[in-house]
N, C-alpha and C. Protein backbone atom coordinates (compact mmCIF):
# COMPACT_ATOMS: atom_id res chain seq x y z
N MET A 1 163.97 175.94 136.15
CA MET A 1 162.75 176.38 136.81
C MET A 1 162.66 177.91 136.82
N VAL A 2 163.79 178.57 137.11
CA VAL A 2 163.80 180.02 137.17
C VAL A 2 163.55 180.61 135.80
N VAL A 3 164.16 180.02 134.79
CA VAL A 3 164.00 180.54 133.43
C VAL A 3 162.56 180.38 132.97
N ARG A 4 161.94 179.29 133.33
CA ARG A 4 160.54 179.06 132.96
C ARG A 4 159.63 180.09 133.64
N SER A 5 159.89 180.38 134.89
CA SER A 5 159.09 181.39 135.61
C SER A 5 159.29 182.77 135.01
N LEU A 6 160.52 183.09 134.67
CA LEU A 6 160.81 184.39 134.05
C LEU A 6 160.14 184.50 132.68
N ASN A 7 160.17 183.44 131.93
CA ASN A 7 159.52 183.43 130.62
C ASN A 7 158.02 183.63 130.74
N SER A 8 157.40 183.00 131.73
CA SER A 8 155.95 183.17 131.91
C SER A 8 155.61 184.60 132.33
N CYS A 9 156.46 185.23 133.13
CA CYS A 9 156.22 186.63 133.52
C CYS A 9 156.34 187.56 132.32
N VAL A 10 157.31 187.29 131.48
CA VAL A 10 157.49 188.12 130.29
C VAL A 10 156.29 187.96 129.36
N LEU A 11 155.80 186.75 129.22
CA LEU A 11 154.64 186.52 128.36
C LEU A 11 153.39 187.20 128.90
N LEU A 12 153.32 187.39 130.22
CA LEU A 12 152.19 188.08 130.83
C LEU A 12 152.32 189.60 130.75
N GLY A 13 153.44 190.09 130.23
CA GLY A 13 153.60 191.53 130.05
C GLY A 13 154.39 192.23 131.13
N HIS A 14 154.99 191.50 132.04
CA HIS A 14 155.82 192.10 133.09
C HIS A 14 157.23 192.30 132.53
N LYS A 15 157.51 193.51 132.04
CA LYS A 15 158.78 193.71 131.35
C LYS A 15 159.95 194.03 132.26
N TRP A 16 159.72 194.30 133.52
CA TRP A 16 160.80 194.65 134.44
C TRP A 16 161.26 193.48 135.30
N PHE A 17 160.84 192.28 135.01
CA PHE A 17 161.23 191.13 135.82
C PHE A 17 162.58 190.61 135.38
N GLY A 18 163.35 190.15 136.35
CA GLY A 18 164.67 189.58 136.08
C GLY A 18 165.01 188.55 137.14
N VAL A 19 166.18 187.98 137.04
CA VAL A 19 166.62 186.92 137.95
C VAL A 19 167.39 187.54 139.11
N ASP A 20 167.01 187.17 140.32
CA ASP A 20 167.75 187.55 141.53
C ASP A 20 168.62 186.37 141.92
N ILE A 21 169.93 186.52 141.77
CA ILE A 21 170.82 185.38 142.03
C ILE A 21 170.98 185.11 143.51
N ASN A 22 170.71 186.10 144.36
CA ASN A 22 170.82 185.87 145.80
C ASN A 22 169.67 185.02 146.32
N LYS A 23 168.46 185.29 145.84
CA LYS A 23 167.28 184.52 146.27
C LYS A 23 167.01 183.32 145.38
N GLU A 24 167.73 183.24 144.25
CA GLU A 24 167.51 182.18 143.25
C GLU A 24 166.05 182.15 142.82
N ASP A 25 165.53 183.32 142.53
CA ASP A 25 164.14 183.45 142.10
C ASP A 25 164.06 184.67 141.18
N ILE A 26 162.86 184.94 140.66
CA ILE A 26 162.67 186.12 139.83
C ILE A 26 162.06 187.24 140.67
N VAL A 27 162.40 188.48 140.33
CA VAL A 27 161.90 189.64 141.05
C VAL A 27 161.58 190.74 140.05
N ASP A 28 160.79 191.70 140.51
CA ASP A 28 160.54 192.90 139.72
C ASP A 28 161.72 193.83 139.96
N THR A 29 162.58 193.97 138.97
CA THR A 29 163.80 194.75 139.15
C THR A 29 163.52 196.23 139.33
N PHE A 30 162.38 196.70 138.84
CA PHE A 30 162.03 198.11 139.02
C PHE A 30 161.73 198.39 140.49
N GLU A 31 161.02 197.47 141.14
CA GLU A 31 160.68 197.65 142.56
C GLU A 31 161.88 197.43 143.47
N THR A 32 162.83 196.61 143.05
CA THR A 32 164.00 196.34 143.88
C THR A 32 165.18 197.25 143.54
N PHE A 33 164.93 198.26 142.70
CA PHE A 33 165.93 199.29 142.36
C PHE A 33 167.20 198.70 141.74
N VAL A 34 167.03 197.77 140.83
CA VAL A 34 168.18 197.20 140.11
C VAL A 34 168.33 197.99 138.81
N TRP A 35 169.38 198.82 138.76
CA TRP A 35 169.60 199.66 137.58
C TRP A 35 170.88 199.26 136.85
N GLU A 36 171.68 198.39 137.41
CA GLU A 36 172.97 198.06 136.82
C GLU A 36 172.88 197.50 135.41
N PRO A 37 171.91 196.65 135.06
CA PRO A 37 171.90 196.13 133.69
C PRO A 37 171.87 197.23 132.62
N ALA A 38 171.17 198.32 132.88
CA ALA A 38 171.13 199.41 131.90
C ALA A 38 172.50 200.06 131.78
N ILE A 39 173.19 200.24 132.89
CA ILE A 39 174.52 200.84 132.87
C ILE A 39 175.51 199.91 132.18
N VAL A 40 175.40 198.62 132.46
CA VAL A 40 176.29 197.65 131.83
C VAL A 40 176.09 197.64 130.32
N LYS A 41 174.84 197.71 129.87
CA LYS A 41 174.58 197.73 128.43
C LYS A 41 175.19 198.96 127.78
N LEU A 42 175.10 200.11 128.43
CA LEU A 42 175.71 201.32 127.88
C LEU A 42 177.22 201.19 127.81
N ASN A 43 177.83 200.63 128.85
CA ASN A 43 179.28 200.44 128.85
C ASN A 43 179.72 199.45 127.77
N VAL A 44 178.94 198.41 127.57
CA VAL A 44 179.28 197.41 126.54
C VAL A 44 179.20 198.04 125.16
N LEU A 45 178.16 198.81 124.89
CA LEU A 45 178.03 199.46 123.59
C LEU A 45 179.13 200.48 123.36
N THR A 46 179.49 201.22 124.38
CA THR A 46 180.57 202.20 124.25
C THR A 46 181.90 201.51 123.97
N ALA A 47 182.20 200.46 124.71
CA ALA A 47 183.45 199.74 124.51
C ALA A 47 183.50 199.09 123.13
N ALA A 48 182.38 198.53 122.69
CA ALA A 48 182.35 197.89 121.37
C ALA A 48 182.54 198.90 120.25
N SER A 49 181.93 200.07 120.37
CA SER A 49 182.11 201.08 119.32
C SER A 49 183.53 201.63 119.31
N GLU A 50 184.14 201.78 120.49
CA GLU A 50 185.54 202.23 120.54
C GLU A 50 186.46 201.18 119.92
N ALA A 51 186.20 199.91 120.18
CA ALA A 51 187.02 198.85 119.60
C ALA A 51 186.86 198.81 118.08
N ALA A 52 185.64 198.99 117.60
CA ALA A 52 185.41 198.99 116.15
C ALA A 52 186.12 200.17 115.49
N CYS A 53 186.07 201.34 116.10
CA CYS A 53 186.78 202.51 115.55
C CYS A 53 188.28 202.28 115.53
N LEU A 54 188.82 201.66 116.56
CA LEU A 54 190.24 201.38 116.61
C LEU A 54 190.64 200.40 115.52
N ILE A 55 189.85 199.35 115.33
CA ILE A 55 190.14 198.37 114.28
C ILE A 55 190.09 199.03 112.91
N LEU A 56 189.09 199.87 112.69
CA LEU A 56 188.98 200.54 111.39
C LEU A 56 190.13 201.51 111.16
N SER A 57 190.58 202.19 112.19
CA SER A 57 191.69 203.12 112.01
C SER A 57 192.99 202.37 111.70
N VAL A 58 193.21 201.24 112.35
CA VAL A 58 194.40 200.44 112.06
C VAL A 58 194.31 199.89 110.65
N ASP A 59 193.14 199.43 110.24
CA ASP A 59 192.94 198.90 108.90
C ASP A 59 193.21 199.97 107.86
N GLU A 60 192.76 201.18 108.10
CA GLU A 60 192.99 202.29 107.17
C GLU A 60 194.46 202.64 107.11
N THR A 61 195.16 202.58 108.22
CA THR A 61 196.59 202.89 108.24
C THR A 61 197.37 201.85 107.44
N ILE A 62 197.03 200.58 107.59
CA ILE A 62 197.75 199.53 106.90
C ILE A 62 197.49 199.59 105.40
N LYS A 63 196.28 199.91 104.97
CA LYS A 63 195.92 199.92 103.56
C LYS A 63 196.18 201.26 102.88
N ASN A 64 196.78 202.22 103.57
CA ASN A 64 197.00 203.54 103.01
C ASN A 64 198.07 203.45 101.92
N PRO A 65 197.75 203.73 100.64
CA PRO A 65 198.74 203.60 99.57
C PRO A 65 199.85 204.65 99.66
N LYS A 66 199.62 205.76 100.32
CA LYS A 66 200.64 206.81 100.43
C LYS A 66 201.76 206.40 101.40
N SER A 67 201.51 205.45 102.26
CA SER A 67 202.51 205.10 103.26
C SER A 67 203.74 204.45 102.62
N GLY A 68 203.61 203.83 101.46
CA GLY A 68 204.75 203.22 100.78
C GLY A 68 205.54 204.22 99.96
N ALA A 69 205.03 205.43 99.75
CA ALA A 69 205.70 206.42 98.91
C ALA A 69 206.82 207.13 99.64
N ASN A 70 206.94 207.01 100.92
CA ASN A 70 207.94 207.74 101.69
C ASN A 70 209.17 206.89 102.00
N ASN A 71 209.62 206.10 101.05
CA ASN A 71 210.82 205.30 101.28
C ASN A 71 212.04 206.21 101.28
N PRO A 72 213.00 205.97 102.17
CA PRO A 72 214.21 206.78 102.17
C PRO A 72 215.02 206.54 100.89
N PRO A 73 215.87 207.49 100.50
CA PRO A 73 216.65 207.30 99.27
C PRO A 73 217.56 206.08 99.39
N GLY A 74 217.59 205.28 98.35
CA GLY A 74 218.43 204.10 98.32
C GLY A 74 217.77 202.85 98.87
N ALA A 75 216.57 202.99 99.45
CA ALA A 75 215.88 201.82 100.01
C ALA A 75 215.21 201.05 98.89
N LEU A 76 215.22 199.77 99.02
CA LEU A 76 214.52 198.95 98.04
C LEU A 76 213.03 199.01 98.28
N PRO A 77 212.23 199.02 97.24
CA PRO A 77 210.77 199.08 97.44
C PRO A 77 210.28 197.82 98.16
N GLY A 78 209.37 198.04 99.06
CA GLY A 78 208.76 196.93 99.77
C GLY A 78 209.52 196.51 101.01
N MET A 79 210.66 197.12 101.26
CA MET A 79 211.43 196.76 102.45
C MET A 79 211.18 197.80 103.53
N GLY A 80 211.26 197.38 104.75
CA GLY A 80 211.03 198.28 105.87
C GLY A 80 212.30 199.04 106.21
N ARG A 81 212.44 199.45 107.45
CA ARG A 81 213.61 200.20 107.87
C ARG A 81 214.88 199.36 107.80
N GLY A 82 214.76 198.11 108.21
CA GLY A 82 215.93 197.24 108.16
C GLY A 82 216.13 196.72 106.76
N ARG A 83 217.30 196.23 106.50
CA ARG A 83 217.63 195.69 105.17
C ARG A 83 217.45 194.18 105.11
N GLY A 84 216.90 193.58 106.16
CA GLY A 84 216.73 192.14 106.18
C GLY A 84 217.97 191.47 106.72
N ARG A 85 218.00 190.18 106.66
CA ARG A 85 219.16 189.42 107.13
C ARG A 85 220.29 189.50 106.13
N PRO A 86 221.52 189.62 106.60
CA PRO A 86 222.63 189.59 105.66
C PRO A 86 222.78 188.21 105.03
N ARG A 87 223.19 188.17 103.80
CA ARG A 87 223.31 186.87 103.12
C ARG A 87 224.71 186.40 103.08
């Protein structure tokens, strides 16, 4: 019922209407001074872009071809710091 009422308000051109969970009805969020959704959207976009940058930096580090060129002398290619399990 609430979603239907909100949809009808949006179709009538009321762009500031939203759901009031305390009254279980729709309200004009501009008149009731509800600003949190805008702040939440900014925080979500900031967090998502930071996560994407972090993923890309890790991906670039893993795929860096120069990282394999710094093997210590005597190390077998493709092996890490340890020599693996003894046989």
